[in-house]
Amino acid sequence: MILASFATACSDTLSSELGNVYGKKYFNILSLRTSTRGLDGTVSLRGLWFGAFGSLLIGLGTIPFSFDIKWILIITLSGFSGNLIDSVLGATLQQNGLLNNHQVNFLATTFGAIVAMTLSLLFYS
């Protein structure tokens, strides 16, 4: 669950920072309509790819301890799903002033950890 939280944070950071630099078309995560770069809940395809890569990097970091493809997939999927939830929360609650960035990040990393726990129970029980 800790690694999934780190994967979420890494995915979100790479997605946000590199997506803003290298992204071409920006759209709202919920409506899929064109949106302003840097606005909460706005994503780009390149940013999403960077986010997926960041999550995968954390998953691959488990290899020296135990090569288990299931764990790599669980961490990668959990981290990326947490990143997506971060964008959804940004597009809704943060844009409306109900949450600030720290609260959104906390909820997203918690979500990533819960997804990891759920997937691990499905794959390993």
C-alpha atoms as a PDB file:
ATOM      1  CA  MET A   1       0.000   0.000   0.000  1.00  0.00           C
ATOM      2  CA  ILE A   2       2.902   2.328   0.709  1.00  0.00           C
ATOM      3  CA  LEU A   3       4.420   1.646  -2.705  1.00  0.00           C
ATOM      4  CA  ALA A   4       1.039   2.280  -4.335  1.00  0.00           C
ATOM      5  CA  SER A   5       0.883   5.646  -2.559  1.00  0.00           C
ATOM      6  CA  PHE A   6       4.366   6.464  -3.854  1.00  0.00           C
ATOM      7  CA  ALA A   7       3.343   5.280  -7.322  1.00  0.00           C
ATOM      8  CA  THR A   8       0.322   7.601  -7.192  1.00  0.00           C
ATOM      9  CA  ALA A   9       2.472  10.553  -6.146  1.00  0.00           C
ATOM     10  CA  CYS A  10       5.089   9.799  -8.820  1.00  0.00           C
ATOM     11  CA  SER A  11       2.430   9.300 -11.472  1.00  0.00           C
ATOM     12  CA  ASP A  12       0.703  12.567 -10.530  1.00  0.00           C
ATOM     13  CA  THR A  13       3.941  14.552 -10.458  1.00  0.00           C
ATOM     14  CA  LEU A  14       5.249  13.296 -13.791  1.00  0.00           C
ATOM     15  CA  SER A  15       1.830  13.626 -15.373  1.00  0.00           C
ATOM     16  CA  SER A  16       1.397  17.205 -14.170  1.00  0.00           C
ATOM     17  CA  GLU A  17       4.879  18.557 -14.706  1.00  0.00           C
ATOM     18  CA  LEU A  18       5.895  16.802 -17.913  1.00  0.00           C
ATOM     19  CA  GLY A  19       2.370  16.898 -19.308  1.00  0.00           C
ATOM     20  CA  ASN A  20       2.422  20.687 -18.990  1.00  0.00           C
ATOM     21  CA  VAL A  21       5.767  20.874 -20.776  1.00  0.00           C
ATOM     22  CA  TYR A  22       5.313  18.272 -23.514  1.00  0.00           C
ATOM     23  CA  GLY A  23       1.546  18.023 -23.889  1.00  0.00           C
ATOM     24  CA  LYS A  24      -0.089  19.285 -27.076  1.00  0.00           C
ATOM     25  CA  LYS A  25      -3.853  19.090 -26.557  1.00  0.00           C
ATOM     26  CA  TYR A  26      -5.347  19.592 -23.122  1.00  0.00           C
ATOM     27  CA  PHE A  27      -8.791  18.400 -22.116  1.00  0.00           C
ATOM     28  CA  ASN A  28     -10.982  18.116 -19.045  1.00  0.00           C
ATOM     29  CA  ILE A  29     -10.755  14.609 -17.559  1.00  0.00           C
ATOM     30  CA  LEU A  30     -14.543  14.377 -17.163  1.00  0.00           C
ATOM     31  CA  SER A  31     -16.054  16.174 -20.142  1.00  0.00           C
ATOM     32  CA  LEU A  32     -13.194  15.441 -22.566  1.00  0.00           C
ATOM     33  CA  ARG A  33     -13.674  18.986 -23.882  1.00  0.00           C
ATOM     34  CA  THR A  34     -10.688  21.176 -24.695  1.00  0.00           C
ATOM     35  CA  SER A  35      -9.448  22.914 -21.560  1.00  0.00           C
ATOM     36  CA  THR A  36      -6.759  25.311 -20.392  1.00  0.00           C
ATOM     37  CA  ARG A  37      -3.319  23.891 -19.637  1.00  0.00           C
ATOM     38  CA  GLY A  38      -2.578  23.867 -15.912  1.00  0.00           C
ATOM     39  CA  LEU A  39      -6.218  24.069 -14.821  1.00  0.00           C
ATOM     40  CA  ASP A  40      -7.245  21.558 -12.139  1.00  0.00           C
ATOM     41  CA  GLY A  41      -8.646  18.443 -13.772  1.00  0.00           C
ATOM     42  CA  THR A  42      -7.077  19.191 -17.149  1.00  0.00           C
ATOM     43  CA  VAL A  43      -4.937  16.437 -18.674  1.00  0.00           C
ATOM     44  CA  SER A  44      -3.099  15.666 -21.905  1.00  0.00           C
ATOM     45  CA  LEU A  45      -2.434  12.323 -23.546  1.00  0.00           C
ATOM     46  CA  ARG A  46       1.306  12.799 -23.158  1.00  0.00           C
ATOM     47  CA  GLY A  47       0.793  13.694 -19.514  1.00  0.00           C
ATOM     48  CA  LEU A  48      -1.198  10.514 -18.991  1.00  0.00           C
ATOM     49  CA  TRP A  49       1.584   8.498 -20.630  1.00  0.00           C
ATOM     50  CA  PHE A  50       4.168  10.125 -18.359  1.00  0.00           C
ATOM     51  CA  GLY A  51       1.935   9.325 -15.393  1.00  0.00           C
ATOM     52  CA  ALA A  52       1.631   5.679 -16.390  1.00  0.00           C
ATOM     53  CA  PHE A  53       5.404   5.512 -16.827  1.00  0.00           C
ATOM     54  CA  GLY A  54       5.995   7.043 -13.380  1.00  0.00           C
ATOM     55  CA  SER A  55       3.715   4.503 -11.774  1.00  0.00           C
ATOM     56  CA  LEU A  56       5.450   1.696 -13.654  1.00  0.00           C
ATOM     57  CA  LEU A  57       8.853   2.915 -12.431  1.00  0.00           C
ATOM     58  CA  ILE A  58       7.762   2.499  -8.831  1.00  0.00           C
ATOM     59  CA  GLY A  59       6.351  -0.946  -9.645  1.00  0.00           C
ATOM     60  CA  LEU A  60       9.619  -1.972 -11.305  1.00  0.00           C
ATOM     61  CA  GLY A  61      11.449  -0.822  -8.192  1.00  0.00           C
ATOM     62  CA  THR A  62      10.186  -3.948  -6.437  1.00  0.00           C
ATOM     63  CA  ILE A  63      12.209  -6.264  -8.693  1.00  0.00           C
ATOM     64  CA  PRO A  64      15.374  -6.337  -6.523  1.00  0.00           C
ATOM     65  CA  PHE A  65      13.288  -7.518  -3.569  1.00  0.00           C
ATOM     66  CA  SER A  66      11.041 -10.041  -5.267  1.00  0.00           C
ATOM     67  CA  PHE A  67      10.328 -10.471  -8.939  1.00  0.00           C
ATOM     68  CA  ASP A  68       6.582 -10.931  -8.984  1.00  0.00           C
ATOM     69  CA  ILE A  69       4.759  -9.617 -12.037  1.00  0.00           C
ATOM     70  CA  LYS A  70       1.530  -9.448 -10.043  1.00  0.00           C
ATOM     71  CA  TRP A  71       3.030  -6.918  -7.620  1.00  0.00           C
ATOM     72  CA  ILE A  72       4.413  -4.841 -10.456  1.00  0.00           C
ATOM     73  CA  LEU A  73       0.969  -4.752 -12.077  1.00  0.00           C
ATOM     74  CA  ILE A  74      -0.823  -4.033  -8.795  1.00  0.00           C
ATOM     75  CA  ILE A  75       1.460  -1.114  -7.965  1.00  0.00           C
ATOM     76  CA  THR A  76       1.366   0.264 -11.509  1.00  0.00           C
ATOM     77  CA  LEU A  77      -2.424   0.052 -11.821  1.00  0.00           C
ATOM     78  CA  SER A  78      -2.987   1.395  -8.317  1.00  0.00           C
ATOM     79  CA  GLY A  79      -0.668   4.346  -8.823  1.00  0.00           C
ATOM     80  CA  PHE A  80      -2.149   5.271 -12.175  1.00  0.00           C
ATOM     81  CA  SER A  81      -5.711   4.949 -10.883  1.00  0.00           C
ATOM     82  CA  GLY A  82      -4.792   7.237  -7.994  1.00  0.00           C
ATOM     83  CA  ASN A  83      -3.455   9.721 -10.531  1.00  0.00           C
ATOM     84  CA  LEU A  84      -6.744   9.612 -12.435  1.00  0.00           C
ATOM     85  CA  ILE A  85      -8.712  10.165  -9.218  1.00  0.00           C
ATOM     86  CA  ASP A  86      -6.468  13.146  -8.497  1.00  0.00           C
ATOM     87  CA  SER A  87      -7.533  14.650 -11.824  1.00  0.00           C
ATOM     88  CA  VAL A  88     -11.213  13.882 -11.215  1.00  0.00           C
ATOM     89  CA  LEU A  89     -11.079  15.475  -7.760  1.00  0.00           C
ATOM     90  CA  GLY A  90      -9.257  18.447  -9.272  1.00  0.00           C
ATOM     91  CA  ALA A  91     -11.921  18.864 -11.959  1.00  0.00           C
ATOM     92  CA  THR A  92     -14.742  18.723  -9.433  1.00  0.00           C
ATOM     93  CA  LEU A  93     -14.092  19.488  -5.780  1.00  0.00           C
ATOM     94  CA  GLN A  94     -10.865  21.472  -6.147  1.00  0.00           C
ATOM     95  CA  GLN A  95     -12.120  23.646  -8.990  1.00  0.00           C
ATOM     96  CA  ASN A  96     -15.207  24.447  -6.921  1.00  0.00           C
ATOM     97  CA  GLY A  97     -13.086  25.396  -3.906  1.00  0.00           C
ATOM     98  CA  LEU A  98     -14.234  22.513  -1.716  1.00  0.00           C
ATOM     99  CA  LEU A  99     -10.763  20.950  -1.479  1.00  0.00           C
ATOM    100  CA  ASN A 100      -7.261  22.367  -1.749  1.00  0.00           C
ATOM    101  CA  ASN A 101      -4.322  20.720  -3.522  1.00  0.00           C
ATOM    102  CA  HIS A 102      -2.969  19.084  -0.353  1.00  0.00           C
ATOM    103  CA  GLN A 103      -6.331  17.488   0.377  1.00  0.00           C
ATOM    104  CA  VAL A 104      -6.663  16.244  -3.202  1.00  0.00           C
ATOM    105  CA  ASN A 105      -3.167  14.722  -3.058  1.00  0.00           C
ATOM    106  CA  PHE A 106      -3.939  13.036   0.266  1.00  0.00           C
ATOM    107  CA  LEU A 107      -7.185  11.546  -1.043  1.00  0.00           C
ATOM    108  CA  ALA A 108      -5.568  10.413  -4.306  1.00  0.00           C
ATOM    109  CA  THR A 109      -2.649   8.645  -2.603  1.00  0.00           C
ATOM    110  CA  THR A 110      -5.050   7.058  -0.121  1.00  0.00           C
ATOM    111  CA  PHE A 111      -7.195   5.878  -3.020  1.00  0.00           C
ATOM    112  CA  GLY A 112      -4.127   4.365  -4.722  1.00  0.00           C
ATOM    113  CA  ALA A 113      -3.288   2.499  -1.511  1.00  0.00           C
ATOM    114  CA  ILE A 114      -6.849   1.173  -1.165  1.00  0.00           C
ATOM    115  CA  VAL A 115      -6.846  -0.009  -4.786  1.00  0.00           C
ATOM    116  CA  ALA A 116      -3.558  -1.840  -4.100  1.00  0.00           C
ATOM    117  CA  MET A 117      -5.023  -3.518  -1.026  1.00  0.00           C
ATOM    118  CA  THR A 118      -8.129  -4.547  -2.956  1.00  0.00           C
ATOM    119  CA  LEU A 119      -6.151  -5.916  -5.901  1.00  0.00           C
ATOM    120  CA  SER A 120      -3.756  -7.779  -3.625  1.00  0.00           C
ATOM    121  CA  LEU A 121      -6.701  -9.424  -1.869  1.00  0.00           C
ATOM    122  CA  LEU A 122      -8.120 -10.454  -5.245  1.00  0.00           C
ATOM    123  CA  PHE A 123      -4.824 -11.801  -6.601  1.00  0.00           C
ATOM    124  CA  TYR A 124      -3.383 -13.344  -3.442  1.00  0.00           C
ATOM    125  CA  SER A 125      -6.293 -14.780  -1.466  1.00  0.00           C
END
